[in-house]
Amino acid sequence: MANTEVKTKRTDNSVEVFLNAITEDGKRKDCFTLHKLMQTVSKSKPKMWGTSIVGFAEFHYKSKSGRE
């Protein structure tokens, strides 16, 4: 059977530190605009997933077969 452990996990890393590390000014500004928009739309605070994914909200999925 395949390894079912999730590879990308939520971390306590700072979203702001991650976004501020973007060196290109225009891209960093766009990312902060999206950050604000997604926070407003999702009504959720952003969290880092792994080292390079910013996520909003969290859902637990379970298929009909029982796979999670």
PDB file of N, CA and C in Angstrom:
ATOM      1  N   MET A   1       0.843  -1.179   0.000  1.00  0.00           N
ATOM      2  CA  MET A   1       0.000   0.000   0.000  1.00  0.00           C
ATOM      3  C   MET A   1       0.889   1.243   0.000  1.00  0.00           C
ATOM      4  N   ALA A   2       0.421   2.267  -0.660  1.00  0.00           N
ATOM      5  CA  ALA A   2       1.174   3.518  -0.775  1.00  0.00           C
ATOM      6  C   ALA A   2       1.242   4.236   0.569  1.00  0.00           C
ATOM      7  N   ASN A   3       2.297   5.015   0.744  1.00  0.00           N
ATOM      8  CA  ASN A   3       2.444   5.829   1.940  1.00  0.00           C
ATOM      9  C   ASN A   3       1.351   6.892   1.929  1.00  0.00           C
ATOM     10  N   THR A   4       0.537   6.942   2.973  1.00  0.00           N
ATOM     11  CA  THR A   4      -0.592   7.881   3.009  1.00  0.00           C
ATOM     12  C   THR A   4      -0.314   9.107   3.879  1.00  0.00           C
ATOM     13  N   GLU A   5       0.903   9.239   4.375  1.00  0.00           N
ATOM     14  CA  GLU A   5       1.221  10.402   5.199  1.00  0.00           C
ATOM     15  C   GLU A   5       1.258  11.659   4.333  1.00  0.00           C
ATOM     16  N   VAL A   6       0.607  12.701   4.797  1.00  0.00           N
ATOM     17  CA  VAL A   6       0.571  13.965   4.080  1.00  0.00           C
ATOM     18  C   VAL A   6       1.954  14.601   4.147  1.00  0.00           C
ATOM     19  N   LYS A   7       2.479  15.011   2.998  1.00  0.00           N
ATOM     20  CA  LYS A   7       3.822  15.585   2.949  1.00  0.00           C
ATOM     21  C   LYS A   7       3.835  17.072   3.293  1.00  0.00           C
ATOM     22  N   THR A   8       2.810  17.788   2.898  1.00  0.00           N
ATOM     23  CA  THR A   8       2.753  19.223   3.162  1.00  0.00           C
ATOM     24  C   THR A   8       1.899  19.452   4.401  1.00  0.00           C
ATOM     25  N   LYS A   9       2.526  19.971   5.434  1.00  0.00           N
ATOM     26  CA  LYS A   9       1.828  20.170   6.706  1.00  0.00           C
ATOM     27  C   LYS A   9       1.855  21.642   7.090  1.00  0.00           C
ATOM     28  N   ARG A  10       0.848  22.026   7.861  1.00  0.00           N
ATOM     29  CA  ARG A  10       0.773  23.398   8.351  1.00  0.00           C
ATOM     30  C   ARG A  10       1.930  23.638   9.318  1.00  0.00           C
ATOM     31  N   THR A  11       2.516  24.826   9.230  1.00  0.00           N
ATOM     32  CA  THR A  11       3.628  25.187  10.108  1.00  0.00           C
ATOM     33  C   THR A  11       3.280  26.453  10.872  1.00  0.00           C
ATOM     34  N   ASP A  12       4.114  26.812  11.803  1.00  0.00           N
ATOM     35  CA  ASP A  12       3.942  28.054  12.550  1.00  0.00           C
ATOM     36  C   ASP A  12       4.763  29.187  11.951  1.00  0.00           C
ATOM     37  N   ASN A  13       5.329  28.975  10.766  1.00  0.00           N
ATOM     38  CA  ASN A  13       6.118  30.018  10.104  1.00  0.00           C
ATOM     39  C   ASN A  13       5.231  31.224   9.808  1.00  0.00           C
ATOM     40  N   SER A  14       5.833  32.388   9.789  1.00  0.00           N
ATOM     41  CA  SER A  14       5.108  33.634   9.574  1.00  0.00           C
ATOM     42  C   SER A  14       4.826  33.872   8.086  1.00  0.00           C
ATOM     43  N   VAL A  15       3.569  34.132   7.787  1.00  0.00           N
ATOM     44  CA  VAL A  15       3.182  34.467   6.410  1.00  0.00           C
ATOM     45  C   VAL A  15       3.827  35.790   6.005  1.00  0.00           C
ATOM     46  N   GLU A  16       3.827  36.769   6.915  1.00  0.00           N
ATOM     47  CA  GLU A  16       4.395  38.078   6.607  1.00  0.00           C
ATOM     48  C   GLU A  16       5.894  37.991   6.322  1.00  0.00           C
ATOM     49  N   VAL A  17       6.614  37.206   7.102  1.00  0.00           N
ATOM     50  CA  VAL A  17       8.045  37.033   6.858  1.00  0.00           C
ATOM     51  C   VAL A  17       8.270  36.398   5.485  1.00  0.00           C
ATOM     52  N   PHE A  18       7.464  35.386   5.162  1.00  0.00           N
ATOM     53  CA  PHE A  18       7.572  34.728   3.862  1.00  0.00           C
ATOM     54  C   PHE A  18       7.318  35.729   2.733  1.00  0.00           C
ATOM     55  N   LEU A  19       6.249  36.518   2.836  1.00  0.00           N
ATOM     56  CA  LEU A  19       5.912  37.462   1.773  1.00  0.00           C
ATOM     57  C   LEU A  19       6.942  38.592   1.681  1.00  0.00           C
ATOM     58  N   ASN A  20       7.434  39.051   2.814  1.00  0.00           N
ATOM     59  CA  ASN A  20       8.441  40.113   2.798  1.00  0.00           C
ATOM     60  C   ASN A  20       9.776  39.655   2.224  1.00  0.00           C
ATOM     61  N   ALA A  21      10.000  38.351   2.169  1.00  0.00           N
ATOM     62  CA  ALA A  21      11.246  37.814   1.610  1.00  0.00           C
ATOM     63  C   ALA A  21      11.243  37.814   0.082  1.00  0.00           C
ATOM     64  N   ILE A  22      10.104  38.123  -0.529  1.00  0.00           N
ATOM     65  CA  ILE A  22      10.020  38.193  -1.996  1.00  0.00           C
ATOM     66  C   ILE A  22      10.787  39.425  -2.441  1.00  0.00           C
ATOM     67  N   THR A  23      11.808  39.212  -3.258  1.00  0.00           N
ATOM     68  CA  THR A  23      12.725  40.306  -3.593  1.00  0.00           C
ATOM     69  C   THR A  23      12.186  41.267  -4.645  1.00  0.00           C
ATOM     70  N   GLU A  24      11.364  40.789  -5.551  1.00  0.00           N
ATOM     71  CA  GLU A  24      10.830  41.651  -6.616  1.00  0.00           C
ATOM     72  C   GLU A  24       9.689  42.505  -6.054  1.00  0.00           C
ATOM     73  N   ASP A  25       9.850  43.813  -6.101  1.00  0.00           N
ATOM     74  CA  ASP A  25       8.890  44.743  -5.496  1.00  0.00           C
ATOM     75  C   ASP A  25       7.462  44.546  -5.996  1.00  0.00           C
ATOM     76  N   GLY A  26       7.284  44.464  -7.296  1.00  0.00           N
ATOM     77  CA  GLY A  26       5.948  44.320  -7.871  1.00  0.00           C
ATOM     78  C   GLY A  26       5.286  43.025  -7.462  1.00  0.00           C
ATOM     79  N   LYS A  27       6.046  41.949  -7.469  1.00  0.00           N
ATOM     80  CA  LYS A  27       5.509  40.639  -7.088  1.00  0.00           C
ATOM     81  C   LYS A  27       5.140  40.632  -5.604  1.00  0.00           C
ATOM     82  N   ARG A  28       5.991  41.231  -4.753  1.00  0.00           N
ATOM     83  CA  ARG A  28       5.716  41.284  -3.316  1.00  0.00           C
ATOM     84  C   ARG A  28       4.438  42.095  -3.065  1.00  0.00           C
ATOM     85  N   LYS A  29       4.289  43.226  -3.752  1.00  0.00           N
ATOM     86  CA  LYS A  29       3.091  44.063  -3.596  1.00  0.00           C
ATOM     87  C   LYS A  29       1.846  43.287  -4.028  1.00  0.00           C
ATOM     88  N   ASP A  30       1.932  42.587  -5.154  1.00  0.00           N
ATOM     89  CA  ASP A  30       0.805  41.772  -5.631  1.00  0.00           C
ATOM     90  C   ASP A  30       0.441  40.684  -4.615  1.00  0.00           C
ATOM     91  N   CYS A  31       1.455  40.055  -4.029  1.00  0.00           N
ATOM     92  CA  CYS A  31       1.207  38.988  -3.049  1.00  0.00           C
ATOM     93  C   CYS A  31       0.509  39.527  -1.807  1.00  0.00           C
ATOM     94  N   PHE A  32       0.900  40.713  -1.351  1.00  0.00           N
ATOM     95  CA  PHE A  32       0.222  41.302  -0.195  1.00  0.00           C
ATOM     96  C   PHE A  32      -1.208  41.707  -0.545  1.00  0.00           C
ATOM     97  N   THR A  33      -1.443  42.129  -1.784  1.00  0.00           N
ATOM     98  CA  THR A  33      -2.810  42.444  -2.222  1.00  0.00           C
ATOM     99  C   THR A  33      -3.663  41.184  -2.211  1.00  0.00           C
ATOM    100  N   LEU A  34      -3.124  40.082  -2.746  1.00  0.00           N
ATOM    101  CA  LEU A  34      -3.847  38.805  -2.734  1.00  0.00           C
ATOM    102  C   LEU A  34      -4.059  38.310  -1.308  1.00  0.00           C
ATOM    103  N   HIS A  35      -3.066  38.491  -0.471  1.00  0.00           N
ATOM    104  CA  HIS A  35      -3.150  38.110   0.945  1.00  0.00           C
ATOM    105  C   HIS A  35      -4.354  38.792   1.591  1.00  0.00           C
ATOM    106  N   LYS A  36      -4.482  40.091   1.390  1.00  0.00           N
ATOM    107  CA  LYS A  36      -5.596  40.849   1.961  1.00  0.00           C
ATOM    108  C   LYS A  36      -6.933  40.405   1.364  1.00  0.00           C
ATOM    109  N   LEU A  37      -6.982  40.233   0.054  1.00  0.00           N
ATOM    110  CA  LEU A  37      -8.201  39.801  -0.627  1.00  0.00           C
ATOM    111  C   LEU A  37      -8.655  38.426  -0.136  1.00  0.00           C
ATOM    112  N   MET A  38      -7.737  37.469  -0.094  1.00  0.00           N
ATOM    113  CA  MET A  38      -8.086  36.109   0.327  1.00  0.00           C
ATOM    114  C   MET A  38      -8.531  36.072   1.784  1.00  0.00           C
ATOM    115  N   GLN A  39      -7.910  36.878   2.622  1.00  0.00           N
ATOM    116  CA  GLN A  39      -8.296  36.926   4.031  1.00  0.00           C
ATOM    117  C   GLN A  39      -9.711  37.480   4.166  1.00  0.00           C
ATOM    118  N   THR A  40     -10.037  38.477   3.372  1.00  0.00           N
ATOM    119  CA  THR A  40     -11.376  39.068   3.394  1.00  0.00           C
ATOM    120  C   THR A  40     -12.423  38.079   2.893  1.00  0.00           C
ATOM    121  N   VAL A  41     -12.148  37.450   1.767  1.00  0.00           N
ATOM    122  CA  VAL A  41     -13.113  36.532   1.147  1.00  0.00           C
ATOM    123  C   VAL A  41     -13.307  35.274   1.989  1.00  0.00           C
ATOM    124  N   SER A  42     -12.212  34.703   2.483  1.00  0.00           N
ATOM    125  CA  SER A  42     -12.301  33.439   3.223  1.00  0.00           C
ATOM    126  C   SER A  42     -12.676  33.638   4.692  1.00  0.00           C
ATOM    127  N   LYS A  43     -12.534  34.873   5.173  1.00  0.00           N
ATOM    128  CA  LYS A  43     -12.761  35.178   6.591  1.00  0.00           C
ATOM    129  C   LYS A  43     -11.888  34.291   7.482  1.00  0.00           C
ATOM    130  N   SER A  44     -10.711  33.967   6.977  1.00  0.00           N
ATOM    131  CA  SER A  44      -9.763  33.125   7.700  1.00  0.00           C
ATOM    132  C   SER A  44      -8.390  33.768   7.703  1.00  0.00           C
ATOM    133  N   LYS A  45      -7.664  33.560   8.773  1.00  0.00           N
ATOM    134  CA  LYS A  45      -6.284  34.045   8.848  1.00  0.00           C
ATOM    135  C   LYS A  45      -5.404  33.100   8.033  1.00  0.00           C
ATOM    136  N   PRO A  46      -4.405  33.631   7.354  1.00  0.00           N
ATOM    137  CA  PRO A  46      -3.528  32.783   6.554  1.00  0.00           C
ATOM    138  C   PRO A  46      -2.574  31.976   7.428  1.00  0.00           C
ATOM    139  N   LYS A  47      -2.220  30.800   6.935  1.00  0.00           N
ATOM    140  CA  LYS A  47      -1.249  29.930   7.589  1.00  0.00           C
ATOM    141  C   LYS A  47      -0.279  29.434   6.532  1.00  0.00           C
ATOM    142  N   MET A  48       0.937  29.187   6.964  1.00  0.00           N
ATOM    143  CA  MET A  48       1.933  28.608   6.065  1.00  0.00           C
ATOM    144  C   MET A  48       1.764  27.093   6.055  1.00  0.00           C
ATOM    145  N   TRP A  49       1.856  26.517   4.867  1.00  0.00           N
ATOM    146  CA  TRP A  49       1.838  25.073   4.673  1.00  0.00           C
ATOM    147  C   TRP A  49       3.164  24.729   4.020  1.00  0.00           C
ATOM    148  N   GLY A  50       3.971  23.967   4.721  1.00  0.00           N
ATOM    149  CA  GLY A  50       5.312  23.708   4.227  1.00  0.00           C
ATOM    150  C   GLY A  50       6.100  24.999   4.273  1.00  0.00           C
ATOM    151  N   THR A  51       7.019  25.138   3.325  1.00  0.00           N
ATOM    152  CA  THR A  51       7.886  26.319   3.328  1.00  0.00           C
ATOM    153  C   THR A  51       7.470  27.382   2.324  1.00  0.00           C
ATOM    154  N   SER A  52       6.489  27.071   1.449  1.00  0.00           N
ATOM    155  CA  SER A  52       6.210  28.032   0.381  1.00  0.00           C
ATOM    156  C   SER A  52       4.748  28.100  -0.061  1.00  0.00           C
ATOM    157  N   ILE A  53       3.833  27.626   0.768  1.00  0.00           N
ATOM    158  CA  ILE A  53       2.408  27.677   0.415  1.00  0.00           C
ATOM    159  C   ILE A  53       1.675  28.453   1.499  1.00  0.00           C
ATOM    160  N   VAL A  54       0.930  29.480   1.076  1.00  0.00           N
ATOM    161  CA  VAL A  54       0.090  30.240   1.997  1.00  0.00           C
ATOM    162  C   VAL A  54      -1.333  29.736   1.794  1.00  0.00           C
ATOM    163  N   GLY A  55      -1.950  29.275   2.879  1.00  0.00           N
ATOM    164  CA  GLY A  55      -3.306  28.742   2.791  1.00  0.00           C
ATOM    165  C   GLY A  55      -4.272  29.533   3.649  1.00  0.00           C
ATOM    166  N   PHE A  56      -5.528  29.522   3.242  1.00  0.00           N
ATOM    167  CA  PHE A  56      -6.595  30.203   3.968  1.00  0.00           C
ATOM    168  C   PHE A  56      -7.683  29.181   4.244  1.00  0.00           C
ATOM    169  N   ALA A  57      -8.059  29.046   5.500  1.00  0.00           N
ATOM    170  CA  ALA A  57      -9.058  28.071   5.950  1.00  0.00           C
ATOM    171  C   ALA A  57      -8.461  26.666   5.882  1.00  0.00           C
ATOM    172  N   GLU A  58      -9.176  25.726   6.462  1.00  0.00           N
ATOM    173  CA  GLU A  58      -8.699  24.345   6.492  1.00  0.00           C
ATOM    174  C   GLU A  58      -9.903  23.427   6.398  1.00  0.00           C
ATOM    175  N   PHE A  59      -9.798  22.433   5.557  1.00  0.00           N
ATOM    176  CA  PHE A  59     -10.882  21.483   5.358  1.00  0.00           C
ATOM    177  C   PHE A  59     -10.356  20.067   5.481  1.00  0.00           C
ATOM    178  N   HIS A  60     -11.184  19.178   5.973  1.00  0.00           N
ATOM    179  CA  HIS A  60     -10.833  17.764   6.063  1.00  0.00           C
ATOM    180  C   HIS A  60     -11.688  17.034   5.022  1.00  0.00           C
ATOM    181  N   TYR A  61     -11.014  16.399   4.079  1.00  0.00           N
ATOM    182  CA  TYR A  61     -11.718  15.710   3.001  1.00  0.00           C
ATOM    183  C   TYR A  61     -11.707  14.209   3.247  1.00  0.00           C
ATOM    184  N   LYS A  62     -12.838  13.557   2.968  1.00  0.00           N
ATOM    185  CA  LYS A  62     -12.931  12.117   3.060  1.00  0.00           C
ATOM    186  C   LYS A  62     -13.768  11.636   1.875  1.00  0.00           C
ATOM    187  N   SER A  63     -13.180  10.739   1.088  1.00  0.00           N
ATOM    188  CA  SER A  63     -13.885  10.250  -0.099  1.00  0.00           C
ATOM    189  C   SER A  63     -14.871   9.139   0.275  1.00  0.00           C
ATOM    190  N   LYS A  64     -15.699   8.765  -0.670  1.00  0.00           N
ATOM    191  CA  LYS A  64     -16.672   7.695  -0.448  1.00  0.00           C
ATOM    192  C   LYS A  64     -15.991   6.391  -0.086  1.00  0.00           C
ATOM    193  N   SER A  65     -14.780   6.203  -0.592  1.00  0.00           N
ATOM    194  CA  SER A  65     -14.033   4.972  -0.320  1.00  0.00           C
ATOM    195  C   SER A  65     -13.441   4.976   1.093  1.00  0.00           C
ATOM    196  N   GLY A  66     -13.493   6.120   1.762  1.00  0.00           N
ATOM    197  CA  GLY A  66     -12.969   6.226   3.111  1.00  0.00           C
ATOM    198  C   GLY A  66     -11.582   6.841   3.164  1.00  0.00           C
ATOM    199  N   ARG A  67     -10.998   7.083   2.003  1.00  0.00           N
ATOM    200  CA  ARG A  67      -9.655   7.692   1.967  1.00  0.00           C
ATOM    201  C   ARG A  67      -9.726   9.130   2.427  1.00  0.00           C
ATOM    202  N   GLU A  68      -8.763   9.517   3.243  1.00  0.00           N
ATOM    203  CA  GLU A  68      -8.752  10.891   3.773  1.00  0.00           C
ATOM    204  C   GLU A  68      -7.534  11.627   3.307  1.00  0.00           C
TER     205      GLU A  68
END
